[in-house]
Amino acid sequence: MKKLILIAIISGIFLGCQSEKSKELTVLKNSDSTEITFILELNTKGNSVENVESFTQYLSDFIVEREPSTVYGYYISKDGKKVTLIERYNNSQDGIKHGEDFISGPNFQKFFEIFEIESFITIGNASDEFKEFASSNGFEIEYRESIGGYVRR
């Protein structure tokens, strides 16, 4: 199954690159972008690889179905002891909305039964409102501002 997923991802990247070749790249200064990206490093707290894979896939499907404006992906280490989650939001308000939905949703307790957050990094221009939301809900986040990037038009 992992090989099938890997082949699908590589094929998608290859096909996406082929169709994007004719599109122009534009440098976007960080100060002009409202996007924020979350990178979470998680410890699986000794849960079985099968439980981690099953819950992570379920959570991924759940989030993607309800939050179409996000990019959401994960990587499970070979030994199943670590998971890296990557989430991108259009702006801090979308990140807050995700946090509110997550905290009050059906997966919050199960998430912390399976995972322990080892690090939570936010890259981009997180608003003061987002920082206050994260802090008041007990999330210790390291903030990093990106220096620039590009967008395809």
C-alpha atoms as a PDB file:
ATOM      1  CA  MET A   1       0.000   0.000   0.000  1.00  0.00           C
ATOM      2  CA  LYS A   2       2.827   2.412   0.869  1.00  0.00           C
ATOM      3  CA  LYS A   3       4.465   1.727  -2.505  1.00  0.00           C
ATOM      4  CA  LEU A   4       1.173   2.430  -4.286  1.00  0.00           C
ATOM      5  CA  ILE A   5       0.783   5.725  -2.420  1.00  0.00           C
ATOM      6  CA  LEU A   6       4.400   6.673  -3.181  1.00  0.00           C
ATOM      7  CA  ILE A   7       3.923   5.907  -6.883  1.00  0.00           C
ATOM      8  CA  ALA A   8       0.722   7.980  -6.941  1.00  0.00           C
ATOM      9  CA  ILE A   9       2.474  10.938  -5.272  1.00  0.00           C
ATOM     10  CA  ILE A  10       5.464  10.794  -7.604  1.00  0.00           C
ATOM     11  CA  SER A  11       3.179  10.485 -10.638  1.00  0.00           C
ATOM     12  CA  GLY A  12       1.122  13.444  -9.434  1.00  0.00           C
ATOM     13  CA  ILE A  13       4.234  15.557  -8.918  1.00  0.00           C
ATOM     14  CA  PHE A  14       5.601  14.578 -12.331  1.00  0.00           C
ATOM     15  CA  LEU A  15       2.312  15.268 -14.105  1.00  0.00           C
ATOM     16  CA  GLY A  16       1.840  18.495 -12.163  1.00  0.00           C
ATOM     17  CA  CYS A  17       5.316  19.660 -13.128  1.00  0.00           C
ATOM     18  CA  GLN A  18       4.647  18.853 -16.759  1.00  0.00           C
ATOM     19  CA  SER A  19       1.498  20.973 -16.817  1.00  0.00           C
ATOM     20  CA  GLU A  20       3.125  23.784 -14.818  1.00  0.00           C
ATOM     21  CA  LYS A  21       6.146  24.255 -17.108  1.00  0.00           C
ATOM     22  CA  SER A  22       4.423  26.934 -19.129  1.00  0.00           C
ATOM     23  CA  LYS A  23       3.298  28.878 -16.063  1.00  0.00           C
ATOM     24  CA  GLU A  24       5.257  31.870 -14.869  1.00  0.00           C
ATOM     25  CA  LEU A  25       6.980  31.889 -11.479  1.00  0.00           C
ATOM     26  CA  THR A  26       6.553  35.039  -9.441  1.00  0.00           C
ATOM     27  CA  VAL A  27       8.589  35.835  -6.336  1.00  0.00           C
ATOM     28  CA  LEU A  28       6.340  36.689  -3.429  1.00  0.00           C
ATOM     29  CA  LYS A  29       7.814  38.541  -0.462  1.00  0.00           C
ATOM     30  CA  ASN A  30       6.805  37.189   2.915  1.00  0.00           C
ATOM     31  CA  SER A  31       5.298  40.538   3.846  1.00  0.00           C
ATOM     32  CA  ASP A  32       2.922  40.180   0.871  1.00  0.00           C
ATOM     33  CA  SER A  33       1.732  36.702   1.891  1.00  0.00           C
ATOM     34  CA  THR A  34      -0.874  35.822   4.470  1.00  0.00           C
ATOM     35  CA  GLU A  35      -0.251  32.058   4.269  1.00  0.00           C
ATOM     36  CA  ILE A  36       0.917  30.155   7.320  1.00  0.00           C
ATOM     37  CA  THR A  37       2.285  26.629   7.438  1.00  0.00           C
ATOM     38  CA  PHE A  38       2.259  24.304  10.438  1.00  0.00           C
ATOM     39  CA  ILE A  39       4.890  21.602  10.875  1.00  0.00           C
ATOM     40  CA  LEU A  40       4.250  19.277  13.798  1.00  0.00           C
ATOM     41  CA  GLU A  41       6.646  16.585  14.955  1.00  0.00           C
ATOM     42  CA  LEU A  42       4.729  13.945  16.876  1.00  0.00           C
ATOM     43  CA  ASN A  43       5.718  11.005  19.067  1.00  0.00           C
ATOM     44  CA  THR A  44       3.343   8.042  18.689  1.00  0.00           C
ATOM     45  CA  LYS A  45       3.545   7.167  22.409  1.00  0.00           C
ATOM     46  CA  GLY A  46       4.233   3.482  21.746  1.00  0.00           C
ATOM     47  CA  ASN A  47       1.040   2.933  19.725  1.00  0.00           C
ATOM     48  CA  SER A  48       1.221   0.230  17.076  1.00  0.00           C
ATOM     49  CA  VAL A  49       2.150   1.197  13.536  1.00  0.00           C
ATOM     50  CA  GLU A  50      -1.255  -0.106  12.385  1.00  0.00           C
ATOM     51  CA  ASN A  51      -3.131   2.157  14.852  1.00  0.00           C
ATOM     52  CA  VAL A  52      -0.974   5.145  13.898  1.00  0.00           C
ATOM     53  CA  GLU A  53      -1.440   4.557  10.155  1.00  0.00           C
ATOM     54  CA  SER A  54      -5.170   3.967  10.507  1.00  0.00           C
ATOM     55  CA  PHE A  55      -5.828   7.051  12.649  1.00  0.00           C
ATOM     56  CA  THR A  56      -3.509   9.282  10.631  1.00  0.00           C
ATOM     57  CA  GLN A  57      -5.257   8.316   7.378  1.00  0.00           C
ATOM     58  CA  TYR A  58      -8.674   8.811   8.960  1.00  0.00           C
ATOM     59  CA  LEU A  59      -7.647  12.222  10.327  1.00  0.00           C
ATOM     60  CA  SER A  60      -6.200  13.262   6.982  1.00  0.00           C
ATOM     61  CA  ASP A  61      -9.417  12.343   5.159  1.00  0.00           C
ATOM     62  CA  PHE A  62     -11.505  14.069   7.851  1.00  0.00           C
ATOM     63  CA  ILE A  63      -9.562  17.343   7.615  1.00  0.00           C
ATOM     64  CA  VAL A  64      -9.275  17.436   3.816  1.00  0.00           C
ATOM     65  CA  GLU A  65     -13.034  16.796   3.472  1.00  0.00           C
ATOM     66  CA  ARG A  66     -13.946  19.669   5.799  1.00  0.00           C
ATOM     67  CA  GLU A  67     -11.196  22.186   5.043  1.00  0.00           C
ATOM     68  CA  PRO A  68     -10.642  22.357   1.300  1.00  0.00           C
ATOM     69  CA  SER A  69      -8.484  25.489   1.516  1.00  0.00           C
ATOM     70  CA  THR A  70      -5.722  23.676   3.378  1.00  0.00           C
ATOM     71  CA  VAL A  71      -2.820  21.552   2.261  1.00  0.00           C
ATOM     72  CA  TYR A  72      -2.489  18.618   4.610  1.00  0.00           C
ATOM     73  CA  GLY A  73       0.060  15.846   4.553  1.00  0.00           C
ATOM     74  CA  TYR A  74       1.888  13.499   6.845  1.00  0.00           C
ATOM     75  CA  TYR A  75       4.929  11.265   6.993  1.00  0.00           C
ATOM     76  CA  ILE A  76       5.175   8.242   9.296  1.00  0.00           C
ATOM     77  CA  SER A  77       8.702   7.131  10.183  1.00  0.00           C
ATOM     78  CA  LYS A  78       9.720   3.647   9.130  1.00  0.00           C
ATOM     79  CA  ASP A  79       9.594   2.379  12.712  1.00  0.00           C
ATOM     80  CA  GLY A  80       6.222   4.076  13.322  1.00  0.00           C
ATOM     81  CA  LYS A  81       7.488   6.012  16.339  1.00  0.00           C
ATOM     82  CA  LYS A  82       7.316   9.505  14.798  1.00  0.00           C
ATOM     83  CA  VAL A  83       4.874  11.328  12.561  1.00  0.00           C
ATOM     84  CA  THR A  84       5.387  14.672  10.832  1.00  0.00           C
ATOM     85  CA  LEU A  85       2.241  16.634   9.947  1.00  0.00           C
ATOM     86  CA  ILE A  86       2.316  19.522   7.498  1.00  0.00           C
ATOM     87  CA  GLU A  87      -0.643  21.862   7.154  1.00  0.00           C
ATOM     88  CA  ARG A  88      -0.896  25.095   5.160  1.00  0.00           C
ATOM     89  CA  TYR A  89      -3.600  27.713   5.560  1.00  0.00           C
ATOM     90  CA  ASN A  90      -4.442  30.754   3.464  1.00  0.00           C
ATOM     91  CA  ASN A  91      -4.179  33.003   6.507  1.00  0.00           C
ATOM     92  CA  SER A  92      -4.143  33.090  10.294  1.00  0.00           C
ATOM     93  CA  GLN A  93      -7.939  33.235  10.471  1.00  0.00           C
ATOM     94  CA  ASP A  94      -8.164  29.904   8.611  1.00  0.00           C
ATOM     95  CA  GLY A  95      -5.596  28.492  11.051  1.00  0.00           C
ATOM     96  CA  ILE A  96      -7.697  29.686  14.000  1.00  0.00           C
ATOM     97  CA  LYS A  97     -10.830  28.175  12.444  1.00  0.00           C
ATOM     98  CA  HIS A  98      -9.003  24.848  12.056  1.00  0.00           C
ATOM     99  CA  GLY A  99      -7.872  25.026  15.680  1.00  0.00           C
ATOM    100  CA  GLU A 100     -11.384  25.779  16.939  1.00  0.00           C
ATOM    101  CA  ASP A 101     -12.838  22.937  14.863  1.00  0.00           C
ATOM    102  CA  PHE A 102     -10.104  20.562  16.059  1.00  0.00           C
ATOM    103  CA  ILE A 103     -10.440  21.420  19.749  1.00  0.00           C
ATOM    104  CA  SER A 104     -14.234  21.124  19.746  1.00  0.00           C
ATOM    105  CA  GLY A 105     -14.360  18.261  17.224  1.00  0.00           C
ATOM    106  CA  PRO A 106     -14.569  14.502  17.591  1.00  0.00           C
ATOM    107  CA  ASN A 107     -10.837  13.808  17.107  1.00  0.00           C
ATOM    108  CA  PHE A 108      -9.189  15.942  19.785  1.00  0.00           C
ATOM    109  CA  GLN A 109      -9.103  13.335  22.575  1.00  0.00           C
ATOM    110  CA  LYS A 110      -8.137  10.475  20.222  1.00  0.00           C
ATOM    111  CA  PHE A 111      -5.340  12.606  18.736  1.00  0.00           C
ATOM    112  CA  PHE A 112      -3.719  12.969  22.150  1.00  0.00           C
ATOM    113  CA  GLU A 113      -4.242   9.274  22.938  1.00  0.00           C
ATOM    114  CA  ILE A 114      -2.179   8.434  19.832  1.00  0.00           C
ATOM    115  CA  PHE A 115       0.245  11.389  19.696  1.00  0.00           C
ATOM    116  CA  GLU A 116       2.345  13.672  21.843  1.00  0.00           C
ATOM    117  CA  ILE A 117       3.473  16.930  20.240  1.00  0.00           C
ATOM    118  CA  GLU A 118       7.272  17.192  20.348  1.00  0.00           C
ATOM    119  CA  SER A 119       7.498  20.392  18.326  1.00  0.00           C
ATOM    120  CA  PHE A 120       5.046  22.734  16.618  1.00  0.00           C
ATOM    121  CA  ILE A 121       6.524  25.228  14.181  1.00  0.00           C
ATOM    122  CA  THR A 122       4.512  27.852  12.334  1.00  0.00           C
ATOM    123  CA  ILE A 123       6.118  29.439   9.291  1.00  0.00           C
ATOM    124  CA  GLY A 124       4.758  32.650   7.811  1.00  0.00           C
ATOM    125  CA  ASN A 125       3.021  35.725   9.107  1.00  0.00           C
ATOM    126  CA  ALA A 126       1.011  34.440  12.043  1.00  0.00           C
ATOM    127  CA  SER A 127      -1.224  37.211  13.335  1.00  0.00           C
ATOM    128  CA  ASP A 128      -1.221  38.330  16.955  1.00  0.00           C
ATOM    129  CA  GLU A 129      -4.770  36.938  17.154  1.00  0.00           C
ATOM    130  CA  PHE A 130      -3.484  33.510  16.065  1.00  0.00           C
ATOM    131  CA  LYS A 131      -0.616  33.640  18.563  1.00  0.00           C
ATOM    132  CA  GLU A 132      -3.045  34.518  21.364  1.00  0.00           C
ATOM    133  CA  PHE A 133      -5.410  31.705  20.311  1.00  0.00           C
ATOM    134  CA  ALA A 134      -2.576  29.153  20.316  1.00  0.00           C
ATOM    135  CA  SER A 135      -1.182  30.320  23.650  1.00  0.00           C
ATOM    136  CA  SER A 136      -4.560  30.434  25.402  1.00  0.00           C
ATOM    137  CA  ASN A 137      -5.255  26.866  24.248  1.00  0.00           C
ATOM    138  CA  GLY A 138      -1.960  25.506  25.582  1.00  0.00           C
ATOM    139  CA  PHE A 139      -0.064  25.100  22.303  1.00  0.00           C
ATOM    140  CA  GLU A 140       3.620  25.969  22.533  1.00  0.00           C
ATOM    141  CA  ILE A 141       4.532  27.082  19.035  1.00  0.00           C
ATOM    142  CA  GLU A 142       7.848  28.220  17.606  1.00  0.00           C
ATOM    143  CA  TYR A 143       7.200  30.996  15.078  1.00  0.00           C
ATOM    144  CA  ARG A 144       9.418  31.521  12.055  1.00  0.00           C
ATOM    145  CA  GLU A 145       8.918  34.111   9.385  1.00  0.00           C
ATOM    146  CA  SER A 146       9.767  32.989   5.908  1.00  0.00           C
ATOM    147  CA  ILE A 147      11.839  35.356   3.775  1.00  0.00           C
ATOM    148  CA  GLY A 148      10.087  34.742   0.490  1.00  0.00           C
ATOM    149  CA  GLY A 149       8.847  32.177  -1.933  1.00  0.00           C
ATOM    150  CA  TYR A 150       7.177  31.889  -5.262  1.00  0.00           C
ATOM    151  CA  VAL A 151       3.768  31.345  -6.714  1.00  0.00           C
ATOM    152  CA  ARG A 152       2.796  29.960 -10.109  1.00  0.00           C
ATOM    153  CA  ARG A 153       0.426  32.026 -12.216  1.00  0.00           C
END
